[in-house]
Amino acid sequence: MPPGSAQIDAMTDLIAGTKGLDIGRALGDAFAVVGRRWTWMLAAILLVAWAPQVLVMFGYAPILTRLRVSANAPWVSIGFTSVVLLVALYMRATVTALALDQSASMSRALSAAATAIPALAPLWLVALAPNLTRVAVQQLTHASLVQQSVVVPVITWPLAIILTLTLGVFTAVAVSEQRGLPRTVARTAQLMSAGRWGFLGLYLIFQLVAALPAVGMTFVYRLMPMRGDIALVSELRSLSVELLTDAVQALWAVVAAMCYRQFRRQIDGPTAGEAADIFS
């Protein structure tokens, strides 16, 4: 049986001792996987992330009214952000499972993602850092929105870069290897040593891409004639931005999963199945 592209890649890495991230291969593999699994991944985006976010958005104001609390209360902002980040994390883990095991059904991918959540939860808490920083700056300094928009990135971006360099493929390791938190952290750090700087460059590119939906949707809605309920138009814009942002984050999850496969092959060598295919 002639080897497929994955086996050829494994053979190349094995013979040449390839080190570092091959960005072109990672992107090519990611788009190939999306092409094969796009229906399942779209279902994960819509059902696991976008639909819960829609429910949270539409239920936000009525819940606050019933509880008689202010939307500006710090704990309300943190709680709202926590829910949104948690469902987004679960979606990315599900998409990762679909990308790494291309024979997996949706139920199996959901189960693998749920099993990985205990290891991923600390990363989810770290993702709250920007919102916590914004609330802290607002409460302690009474800074303006413009000042907050400068201070918050200055504090949070160095943290994001450090985490990307050390734990960039953390989700893929947690989903694929099911090692628990301490061993997942150690394993991820080991794998990232194979190509952390190329991975950081790829991550920064995707962060720029992730900002495009908000800019694009704002531009589109400004061109549209503003008739009817302005609040409804604003909600539709928010939902559109969320859907596009979730799609970009899902694509990044696939790309990161393909980077994980490269790093694992370089650190561990080809798996038993790959080796059998290579030399058969």
Protein backbone atom coordinates (compact mmCIF):
# COMPACT_ATOMS: atom_id res chain seq x y z
CA MET A 1 0.00 0.00 0.00
CA PRO A 2 1.63 3.31 -1.10
CA PRO A 3 2.00 5.87 1.68
CA GLY A 4 -0.37 8.84 1.88
CA SER A 5 0.62 12.46 2.42
CA ALA A 6 0.73 12.09 6.20
CA GLN A 7 3.00 9.05 5.87
CA ILE A 8 5.24 10.89 3.37
CA ASP A 9 5.49 13.79 5.83
CA ALA A 10 6.39 11.37 8.60
CA MET A 11 9.02 9.69 6.42
CA THR A 12 10.53 13.07 5.51
CA ASP A 13 10.72 14.09 9.16
CA LEU A 14 12.18 10.74 10.15
CA ILE A 15 14.90 10.71 7.47
CA ALA A 16 15.79 14.40 7.37
CA GLY A 17 15.47 14.99 11.10
CA THR A 18 13.24 17.98 10.37
CA LYS A 19 12.98 20.51 13.18
CA GLY A 20 10.86 23.60 13.49
CA LEU A 21 7.35 24.34 12.33
CA ASP A 22 6.59 23.98 8.63
CA ILE A 23 3.92 26.69 8.44
CA GLY A 24 2.94 25.90 4.86
CA ARG A 25 2.37 22.25 5.70
CA ALA A 26 0.42 23.12 8.85
CA LEU A 27 -1.91 25.43 6.90
CA GLY A 28 -2.24 22.97 4.02
CA ASP A 29 -3.08 20.10 6.37
CA ALA A 30 -5.55 22.31 8.26
CA PHE A 31 -7.47 23.34 5.13
CA ALA A 32 -7.47 19.72 3.91
CA VAL A 33 -8.98 18.60 7.23
CA VAL A 34 -11.57 21.40 7.13
CA GLY A 35 -12.46 20.38 3.57
CA ARG A 36 -13.16 16.82 4.73
CA ARG A 37 -14.83 17.61 8.06
CA TRP A 38 -16.44 21.01 7.51
CA THR A 39 -20.03 19.84 8.13
CA TRP A 40 -19.17 18.43 11.58
CA MET A 41 -17.06 21.48 12.42
CA LEU A 42 -19.82 23.87 11.35
CA ALA A 43 -22.22 21.92 13.56
CA ALA A 44 -19.79 22.30 16.47
CA ILE A 45 -19.53 26.06 15.88
CA LEU A 46 -23.29 26.55 15.66
CA LEU A 47 -24.47 24.15 18.37
CA VAL A 48 -21.65 24.20 20.89
CA ALA A 49 -20.58 27.86 20.79
CA TRP A 50 -22.83 30.19 18.80
CA ALA A 51 -26.27 29.01 19.93
CA PRO A 52 -25.42 29.20 23.68
CA GLN A 53 -23.95 32.66 23.13
CA VAL A 54 -27.17 33.74 21.40
CA LEU A 55 -29.19 32.50 24.37
CA VAL A 56 -26.90 34.33 26.80
CA MET A 57 -27.11 37.56 24.80
CA PHE A 58 -30.91 37.55 24.53
CA GLY A 59 -31.32 36.46 28.14
CA TYR A 60 -28.80 38.97 29.50
CA ALA A 61 -31.08 41.99 29.96
CA PRO A 62 -34.17 40.07 31.24
CA ILE A 63 -32.07 38.18 33.79
CA LEU A 64 -30.51 41.40 35.08
CA THR A 65 -33.93 43.02 35.28
CA ARG A 66 -35.34 40.09 37.24
CA LEU A 67 -32.35 40.05 39.60
CA ARG A 68 -32.48 43.86 39.90
CA VAL A 69 -28.77 44.26 39.38
CA SER A 70 -26.84 46.75 37.28
CA ALA A 71 -25.27 45.70 34.01
CA ASN A 72 -22.24 47.75 35.03
CA ALA A 73 -21.58 45.70 38.16
CA PRO A 74 -18.09 44.11 37.92
CA TRP A 75 -19.25 40.61 38.83
CA VAL A 76 -21.93 40.76 36.10
CA SER A 77 -19.37 41.60 33.42
CA ILE A 78 -17.01 38.87 34.65
CA GLY A 79 -19.79 36.29 34.87
CA PHE A 80 -21.07 37.07 31.37
CA THR A 81 -17.56 36.87 29.92
CA SER A 82 -16.88 33.61 31.80
CA VAL A 83 -19.85 31.87 30.22
CA VAL A 84 -18.97 33.07 26.72
CA LEU A 85 -15.33 31.98 27.09
CA LEU A 86 -16.30 28.58 28.51
CA VAL A 87 -18.58 27.66 25.60
CA ALA A 88 -15.95 28.93 23.13
CA LEU A 89 -13.34 26.76 24.86
CA TYR A 90 -15.57 23.70 24.62
CA MET A 91 -16.19 24.42 20.93
CA ARG A 92 -12.47 24.68 20.19
CA ALA A 93 -11.81 21.43 22.06
CA THR A 94 -14.57 19.69 20.07
CA VAL A 95 -13.22 20.97 16.76
CA THR A 96 -9.74 19.85 17.84
CA ALA A 97 -11.05 16.34 18.52
CA LEU A 98 -12.72 16.27 15.08
CA ALA A 99 -9.46 17.38 13.43
CA LEU A 100 -7.16 14.95 15.22
CA ASP A 101 -9.41 11.90 14.84
CA GLN A 102 -11.00 12.18 11.43
CA SER A 103 -13.10 9.06 11.99
CA ALA A 104 -14.65 10.51 15.16
CA SER A 105 -18.38 11.10 15.29
CA MET A 106 -19.77 14.28 16.83
CA SER A 107 -20.72 12.45 20.02
CA ARG A 108 -17.21 11.04 20.36
CA ALA A 109 -15.66 14.45 19.76
CA LEU A 110 -17.96 16.05 22.33
CA SER A 111 -17.02 13.35 24.83
CA ALA A 112 -13.29 13.81 24.21
CA ALA A 113 -13.66 17.57 24.62
CA ALA A 114 -15.62 17.17 27.85
CA THR A 115 -12.97 14.81 29.24
CA ALA A 116 -10.28 17.40 28.46
CA ILE A 117 -12.13 20.28 30.17
CA PRO A 118 -10.61 19.70 33.68
CA ALA A 119 -7.13 20.15 32.19
CA LEU A 120 -8.29 23.09 30.05
CA ALA A 121 -10.16 24.92 32.84
CA PRO A 122 -7.06 26.76 34.18
CA LEU A 123 -6.40 28.04 30.67
CA TRP A 124 -10.01 29.24 30.58
CA LEU A 125 -9.43 31.15 33.83
CA VAL A 126 -6.32 32.76 32.35
CA ALA A 127 -8.43 33.85 29.39
CA LEU A 128 -10.42 35.98 31.84
CA ALA A 129 -7.32 38.12 32.44
CA PRO A 130 -8.25 40.89 29.97
CA ASN A 131 -11.70 41.34 31.46
CA LEU A 132 -10.41 41.15 35.05
CA THR A 133 -7.72 43.68 34.19
CA ARG A 134 -10.26 46.03 32.62
CA VAL A 135 -12.52 45.83 35.69
CA ALA A 136 -9.58 46.37 38.02
CA VAL A 137 -8.35 49.38 36.05
CA GLN A 138 -11.86 50.82 35.99
CA GLN A 139 -12.46 50.32 39.71
CA LEU A 140 -9.04 51.33 41.00
CA THR A 141 -8.11 54.17 38.68
CA HIS A 142 -11.43 55.35 37.14
CA ALA A 143 -9.62 55.48 33.80
CA SER A 144 -11.54 56.46 30.69
CA LEU A 145 -12.44 53.92 27.99
CA VAL A 146 -9.64 55.27 25.80
CA GLN A 147 -7.12 54.84 28.63
CA GLN A 148 -8.42 51.34 29.33
CA SER A 149 -8.01 50.41 25.66
CA VAL A 150 -4.30 51.26 26.02
CA VAL A 151 -3.58 49.90 29.51
CA VAL A 152 -5.34 46.52 29.18
CA PRO A 153 -3.41 45.30 26.09
CA VAL A 154 -0.12 46.45 27.60
CA ILE A 155 -0.81 44.18 30.58
CA THR A 156 -2.43 41.22 28.84
CA TRP A 157 -0.50 40.87 25.55
CA PRO A 158 2.82 39.89 27.19
CA LEU A 159 0.92 37.16 29.06
CA ALA A 160 -0.68 35.95 25.82
CA ILE A 161 2.70 35.78 24.07
CA ILE A 162 4.33 33.89 26.95
CA LEU A 163 1.48 31.36 27.04
CA THR A 164 1.62 30.92 23.27
CA LEU A 165 5.36 30.26 23.32
CA THR A 166 5.10 27.71 26.13
CA LEU A 167 1.59 26.21 25.88
CA GLY A 168 0.48 26.90 22.33
CA VAL A 169 -0.75 23.36 21.56
CA PHE A 170 -2.17 22.81 25.04
CA THR A 171 -5.72 22.12 23.82
CA ALA A 172 -4.56 19.52 21.30
CA VAL A 173 -2.47 17.74 23.94
CA ALA A 174 -5.34 17.79 26.46
CA VAL A 175 -7.83 16.39 23.93
CA SER A 176 -5.54 13.83 22.27
CA GLU A 177 -3.48 12.50 25.17
CA GLN A 178 -5.79 12.89 28.20
CA ARG A 179 -2.90 13.24 30.66
CA GLY A 180 -4.39 15.50 33.35
CA LEU A 181 -3.25 19.04 34.10
CA PRO A 182 0.37 18.68 35.38
CA ARG A 183 1.43 16.15 32.75
CA THR A 184 -0.40 18.07 30.01
CA VAL A 185 1.54 21.23 30.89
CA ALA A 186 4.87 19.35 30.89
CA ARG A 187 4.08 17.52 27.66
CA THR A 188 2.99 20.73 25.92
CA ALA A 189 6.16 22.54 26.96
CA GLN A 190 8.19 19.64 25.57
CA LEU A 191 6.37 19.65 22.23
CA MET A 192 6.57 23.45 21.84
CA SER A 193 10.36 23.22 21.96
CA ALA A 194 10.17 21.81 18.42
CA GLY A 195 9.01 25.10 16.87
CA ARG A 196 7.71 27.70 19.29
CA TRP A 197 8.77 30.82 17.33
CA GLY A 198 7.14 29.77 14.08
CA PHE A 199 4.03 28.91 16.06
CA LEU A 200 4.03 32.37 17.67
CA GLY A 201 4.22 34.03 14.26
CA LEU A 202 1.28 31.96 13.05
CA TYR A 203 -0.68 32.80 16.20
CA LEU A 204 -0.13 36.55 15.75
CA ILE A 205 -1.34 36.34 12.14
CA PHE A 206 -4.53 34.63 13.28
CA GLN A 207 -5.08 37.24 15.97
CA LEU A 208 -5.08 39.88 13.26
CA VAL A 209 -7.47 37.76 11.17
CA ALA A 210 -9.74 37.30 14.20
CA ALA A 211 -10.15 41.10 14.45
CA LEU A 212 -11.45 41.35 10.88
CA PRO A 213 -15.04 40.11 11.54
CA ALA A 214 -15.77 42.97 13.96
CA VAL A 215 -14.31 45.56 11.59
CA GLY A 216 -16.02 44.02 8.55
CA MET A 217 -19.44 43.70 10.16
CA THR A 218 -19.28 47.28 11.47
CA PHE A 219 -18.51 48.47 7.94
CA VAL A 220 -21.29 46.36 6.39
CA TYR A 221 -23.95 47.51 8.87
CA ARG A 222 -22.95 51.13 8.42
CA LEU A 223 -23.60 50.79 4.69
CA MET A 224 -27.04 49.29 5.32
CA PRO A 225 -30.03 51.66 5.58
CA MET A 226 -30.91 52.00 9.28
CA ARG A 227 -34.62 51.27 9.45
CA GLY A 228 -36.59 49.84 12.33
CA ASP A 229 -35.31 49.01 15.78
CA ILE A 230 -31.72 50.24 16.25
CA ALA A 231 -31.28 47.90 19.23
CA LEU A 232 -32.27 44.92 17.04
CA VAL A 233 -29.79 45.95 14.36
CA SER A 234 -27.09 46.19 17.01
CA GLU A 235 -27.93 42.69 18.29
CA LEU A 236 -27.86 41.27 14.75
CA ARG A 237 -24.44 42.83 14.22
CA SER A 238 -23.18 41.33 17.49
CA LEU A 239 -24.49 37.88 16.54
CA SER A 240 -22.88 38.12 13.10
CA VAL A 241 -19.55 39.11 14.63
CA GLU A 242 -19.77 36.25 17.15
CA LEU A 243 -20.47 33.68 14.43
CA LEU A 244 -17.57 34.84 12.24
CA THR A 245 -15.23 35.09 15.24
CA ASP A 246 -16.16 31.56 16.31
CA ALA A 247 -15.42 30.33 12.78
CA VAL A 248 -11.95 31.94 12.83
CA GLN A 249 -11.26 30.47 16.29
CA ALA A 250 -12.37 27.05 15.08
CA LEU A 251 -10.01 27.33 12.11
CA TRP A 252 -7.20 28.25 14.50
CA ALA A 253 -8.02 25.16 16.58
CA VAL A 254 -7.53 23.02 13.46
CA VAL A 255 -4.26 24.77 12.56
CA ALA A 256 -2.97 24.33 16.13
CA ALA A 257 -3.94 20.65 15.98
CA MET A 258 -1.89 20.24 12.79
CA CYS A 259 1.06 22.00 14.46
CA TYR A 260 0.70 19.56 17.35
CA ARG A 261 0.92 16.65 14.92
CA GLN A 262 4.15 18.05 13.46
CA PHE A 263 5.69 18.64 16.89
CA ARG A 264 4.68 15.21 18.15
CA ARG A 265 6.17 13.51 15.08
CA GLN A 266 9.44 15.43 15.52
CA ILE A 267 9.72 14.73 19.26
CA ASP A 268 8.39 11.16 19.34
CA GLY A 269 8.92 9.97 15.78
CA PRO A 270 6.06 8.51 13.70
CA THR A 271 3.41 6.51 15.50
CA ALA A 272 3.29 2.75 15.20
CA GLY A 273 0.62 2.98 12.52
CA GLU A 274 2.56 5.58 10.53
CA ALA A 275 5.77 3.56 10.80
CA ALA A 276 3.98 0.44 9.56
CA ASP A 277 2.58 2.37 6.58
CA ILE A 278 5.96 3.97 5.82
CA PHE A 279 7.90 0.71 5.67
CA SER A 280 5.19 -1.58 4.32
